[in-house]
């Protein structure tokens, strides 16, 4: 939606297998990984983690992305 921006502090509210499963099918389960583009769902068939939901112990960033994943991003009004 227009006017919304990624709000990094809220990544921690989305960074759980249960939360990802509410938005993605997670057919292959859920895994803990290290990555700035996490939390996400892996859509790249060439990836070892294909169809998994991924969470992390690191602080995700709004700028990070990966061609083989669909991210779950926290958005806010930016003001």
N, C-alpha and C. Protein backbone atom coordinates (compact mmCIF):
# COMPACT_ATOMS: atom_id res chain seq x y z
N UNK A 1 0.82 -1.20 0.00
CA UNK A 1 0.00 0.00 0.00
C UNK A 1 0.86 1.26 0.00
N UNK A 2 0.35 2.26 -0.59
CA UNK A 2 1.06 3.52 -0.74
C UNK A 2 1.31 4.16 0.63
N UNK A 3 2.51 4.74 0.79
CA UNK A 3 2.84 5.43 2.02
C UNK A 3 3.41 4.55 3.12
N UNK A 4 3.43 3.23 2.90
CA UNK A 4 3.99 2.34 3.91
C UNK A 4 5.47 2.13 3.65
N UNK A 5 6.23 1.97 4.74
CA UNK A 5 7.66 1.73 4.64
C UNK A 5 8.03 0.56 5.54
N UNK A 6 9.12 -0.07 5.19
CA UNK A 6 9.65 -1.14 6.03
C UNK A 6 10.12 -0.54 7.35
N UNK A 7 9.76 -1.18 8.45
CA UNK A 7 10.10 -0.70 9.79
C UNK A 7 10.92 -1.80 10.49
N UNK A 8 12.26 -1.71 10.45
CA UNK A 8 13.14 -2.79 10.94
C UNK A 8 12.87 -3.30 12.35
N UNK A 9 12.57 -2.46 13.35
CA UNK A 9 12.36 -3.01 14.69
C UNK A 9 11.22 -4.04 14.77
N UNK A 10 10.29 -3.99 13.85
CA UNK A 10 9.16 -4.93 13.89
C UNK A 10 9.46 -6.28 13.25
N UNK A 11 10.66 -6.45 12.69
CA UNK A 11 11.01 -7.76 12.14
C UNK A 11 10.88 -8.85 13.20
N UNK A 12 11.19 -8.54 14.43
CA UNK A 12 11.16 -9.57 15.48
C UNK A 12 9.76 -10.12 15.71
N UNK A 13 8.73 -9.35 15.41
CA UNK A 13 7.35 -9.84 15.55
C UNK A 13 6.99 -10.81 14.43
N UNK A 14 7.71 -10.77 13.32
CA UNK A 14 7.44 -11.64 12.17
C UNK A 14 8.39 -12.82 12.09
N UNK A 15 9.44 -12.80 12.87
CA UNK A 15 10.53 -13.77 12.76
C UNK A 15 10.24 -15.04 13.56
N UNK A 16 9.16 -15.73 13.19
CA UNK A 16 8.85 -17.00 13.83
C UNK A 16 8.21 -17.93 12.80
N UNK A 17 8.39 -19.22 13.00
CA UNK A 17 7.81 -20.20 12.08
C UNK A 17 6.29 -20.08 12.07
N UNK A 18 5.69 -19.85 13.22
CA UNK A 18 4.24 -19.74 13.31
C UNK A 18 3.72 -18.55 12.51
N UNK A 19 4.38 -17.42 12.61
CA UNK A 19 3.95 -16.22 11.87
C UNK A 19 4.11 -16.42 10.36
N UNK A 20 5.25 -16.99 9.94
CA UNK A 20 5.45 -17.25 8.51
C UNK A 20 4.40 -18.21 7.96
N UNK A 21 4.04 -19.23 8.74
CA UNK A 21 3.05 -20.21 8.30
C UNK A 21 1.66 -19.59 8.13
N UNK A 22 1.43 -18.44 8.73
CA UNK A 22 0.15 -17.75 8.55
C UNK A 22 0.09 -17.06 7.18
N UNK A 23 1.24 -16.85 6.54
CA UNK A 23 1.30 -16.14 5.26
C UNK A 23 1.80 -17.00 4.10
N UNK A 24 2.56 -18.06 4.40
CA UNK A 24 3.14 -18.91 3.38
C UNK A 24 2.84 -20.38 3.70
N UNK A 25 2.85 -21.27 2.69
CA UNK A 25 2.53 -22.68 2.95
C UNK A 25 3.61 -23.45 3.71
N UNK A 26 4.87 -23.09 3.61
CA UNK A 26 5.97 -23.76 4.34
C UNK A 26 5.91 -25.28 4.21
N UNK A 27 5.69 -25.77 2.99
CA UNK A 27 5.50 -27.21 2.76
C UNK A 27 6.66 -28.07 3.26
N UNK A 28 7.88 -27.53 3.23
CA UNK A 28 9.07 -28.30 3.64
C UNK A 28 9.47 -27.99 5.08
N UNK A 29 8.61 -27.29 5.81
CA UNK A 29 8.91 -26.99 7.20
C UNK A 29 9.54 -25.61 7.39
N UNK A 30 10.26 -25.48 8.48
CA UNK A 30 10.85 -24.21 8.87
C UNK A 30 12.27 -24.46 9.35
N UNK A 31 13.17 -23.50 9.11
CA UNK A 31 14.56 -23.67 9.51
C UNK A 31 15.16 -22.35 9.99
N UNK A 32 16.13 -22.45 10.88
CA UNK A 32 16.89 -21.31 11.37
C UNK A 32 18.12 -21.17 10.49
N UNK A 33 18.33 -19.98 9.94
CA UNK A 33 19.48 -19.70 9.08
C UNK A 33 20.05 -18.33 9.43
N UNK A 34 21.21 -18.01 8.89
CA UNK A 34 21.78 -16.68 9.02
C UNK A 34 21.61 -15.95 7.70
N UNK A 35 20.97 -14.80 7.74
CA UNK A 35 20.78 -14.04 6.52
C UNK A 35 20.08 -12.73 6.80
N UNK A 36 20.47 -11.70 6.08
CA UNK A 36 19.86 -10.38 6.29
C UNK A 36 18.49 -10.27 5.64
N UNK A 37 18.15 -11.20 4.73
CA UNK A 37 16.89 -11.14 4.00
C UNK A 37 15.80 -12.02 4.64
N UNK A 38 16.04 -12.50 5.81
CA UNK A 38 15.13 -13.39 6.53
C UNK A 38 14.35 -12.56 7.55
N UNK A 39 13.11 -12.81 7.85
CA UNK A 39 12.29 -14.00 7.58
C UNK A 39 11.77 -14.02 6.15
N UNK A 40 11.69 -15.25 5.59
CA UNK A 40 11.19 -15.39 4.24
C UNK A 40 10.72 -16.81 3.96
N UNK A 41 10.18 -16.97 2.75
CA UNK A 41 9.74 -18.27 2.23
C UNK A 41 10.54 -18.51 0.96
N UNK A 42 11.13 -19.68 0.81
CA UNK A 42 12.01 -19.97 -0.32
C UNK A 42 11.19 -20.44 -1.52
N UNK A 43 11.26 -19.67 -2.61
CA UNK A 43 10.52 -19.98 -3.84
C UNK A 43 11.43 -20.48 -4.95
N UNK A 44 12.75 -20.36 -4.78
CA UNK A 44 13.70 -20.79 -5.81
C UNK A 44 13.88 -22.30 -5.79
N UNK A 45 13.44 -22.97 -6.86
CA UNK A 45 13.52 -24.43 -6.93
C UNK A 45 14.95 -24.95 -6.86
N UNK A 46 15.93 -24.12 -7.24
CA UNK A 46 17.32 -24.55 -7.24
C UNK A 46 17.96 -24.51 -5.85
N UNK A 47 17.26 -23.98 -4.89
CA UNK A 47 17.82 -23.82 -3.55
C UNK A 47 17.57 -25.05 -2.67
N UNK A 48 18.53 -25.38 -1.80
CA UNK A 48 18.41 -26.53 -0.89
C UNK A 48 17.22 -26.38 0.06
N UNK A 49 16.84 -25.15 0.33
CA UNK A 49 15.76 -24.88 1.28
C UNK A 49 14.42 -24.59 0.58
N UNK A 50 14.27 -25.02 -0.67
CA UNK A 50 13.06 -24.79 -1.45
C UNK A 50 11.81 -25.19 -0.66
N UNK A 51 10.84 -24.30 -0.65
CA UNK A 51 9.54 -24.47 0.02
C UNK A 51 9.64 -24.47 1.55
N UNK A 52 10.75 -23.98 2.08
CA UNK A 52 10.87 -23.84 3.53
C UNK A 52 10.64 -22.40 3.92
N UNK A 53 10.15 -22.21 5.12
CA UNK A 53 10.11 -20.90 5.73
C UNK A 53 11.39 -20.77 6.55
N UNK A 54 12.01 -19.59 6.49
CA UNK A 54 13.29 -19.39 7.16
C UNK A 54 13.20 -18.25 8.17
N UNK A 55 13.76 -18.49 9.34
CA UNK A 55 13.86 -17.49 10.40
C UNK A 55 15.34 -17.32 10.76
N UNK A 56 15.66 -16.29 11.53
CA UNK A 56 17.06 -16.00 11.83
C UNK A 56 17.24 -15.48 13.25
N UNK A 57 18.47 -15.55 13.74
CA UNK A 57 18.82 -14.96 15.04
C UNK A 57 19.45 -13.60 14.85
N UNK A 58 19.73 -13.22 13.60
CA UNK A 58 20.34 -11.92 13.31
C UNK A 58 19.25 -10.87 13.08
N UNK A 59 19.64 -9.61 13.16
CA UNK A 59 18.71 -8.52 12.87
C UNK A 59 18.55 -8.39 11.35
N UNK A 60 17.37 -8.67 10.81
CA UNK A 60 17.15 -8.50 9.37
C UNK A 60 17.21 -7.02 8.98
N UNK A 61 17.38 -6.78 7.70
CA UNK A 61 17.39 -5.41 7.20
C UNK A 61 16.36 -5.24 6.10
N UNK A 62 15.86 -4.04 5.96
CA UNK A 62 14.87 -3.74 4.92
C UNK A 62 15.49 -3.77 3.52
N UNK A 63 16.76 -3.47 3.42
CA UNK A 63 17.42 -3.39 2.12
C UNK A 63 17.80 -4.75 1.54
N UNK A 64 17.88 -5.77 2.39
CA UNK A 64 18.33 -7.08 1.93
C UNK A 64 17.25 -7.77 1.10
N UNK A 65 17.70 -8.54 0.12
CA UNK A 65 16.78 -9.33 -0.69
C UNK A 65 17.53 -10.49 -1.30
N UNK A 66 16.79 -11.47 -1.81
CA UNK A 66 17.38 -12.61 -2.49
C UNK A 66 16.41 -13.03 -3.58
N UNK A 67 16.92 -13.32 -4.76
CA UNK A 67 16.06 -13.67 -5.90
C UNK A 67 15.23 -14.93 -5.68
N UNK A 68 15.68 -15.81 -4.79
CA UNK A 68 14.99 -17.07 -4.59
C UNK A 68 14.04 -17.11 -3.40
N UNK A 69 13.75 -15.95 -2.82
CA UNK A 69 12.89 -15.94 -1.64
C UNK A 69 11.79 -14.88 -1.74
N UNK A 70 10.73 -15.12 -0.99
CA UNK A 70 9.64 -14.16 -0.85
C UNK A 70 9.69 -13.69 0.62
N UNK A 71 10.01 -12.43 0.87
CA UNK A 71 10.15 -11.95 2.24
C UNK A 71 8.82 -11.63 2.90
N UNK A 72 8.83 -11.65 4.22
CA UNK A 72 7.71 -11.14 5.00
C UNK A 72 8.26 -9.90 5.70
N UNK A 73 7.77 -8.74 5.29
CA UNK A 73 8.33 -7.48 5.76
C UNK A 73 7.37 -6.72 6.67
N UNK A 74 7.90 -6.08 7.71
CA UNK A 74 7.08 -5.25 8.58
C UNK A 74 6.90 -3.86 7.97
N UNK A 75 5.69 -3.43 7.83
CA UNK A 75 5.43 -2.12 7.23
C UNK A 75 4.73 -1.21 8.22
N UNK A 76 4.99 0.09 8.09
CA UNK A 76 4.35 1.08 8.92
C UNK A 76 4.14 2.36 8.14
N UNK A 77 3.53 3.32 8.78
CA UNK A 77 3.20 4.58 8.13
C UNK A 77 4.37 5.48 7.87
N UNK A 78 5.51 5.20 8.45
CA UNK A 78 6.70 5.99 8.19
C UNK A 78 6.67 7.37 8.78
N UNK A 79 5.91 7.58 9.80
CA UNK A 79 5.89 8.91 10.35
C UNK A 79 5.70 8.84 11.78
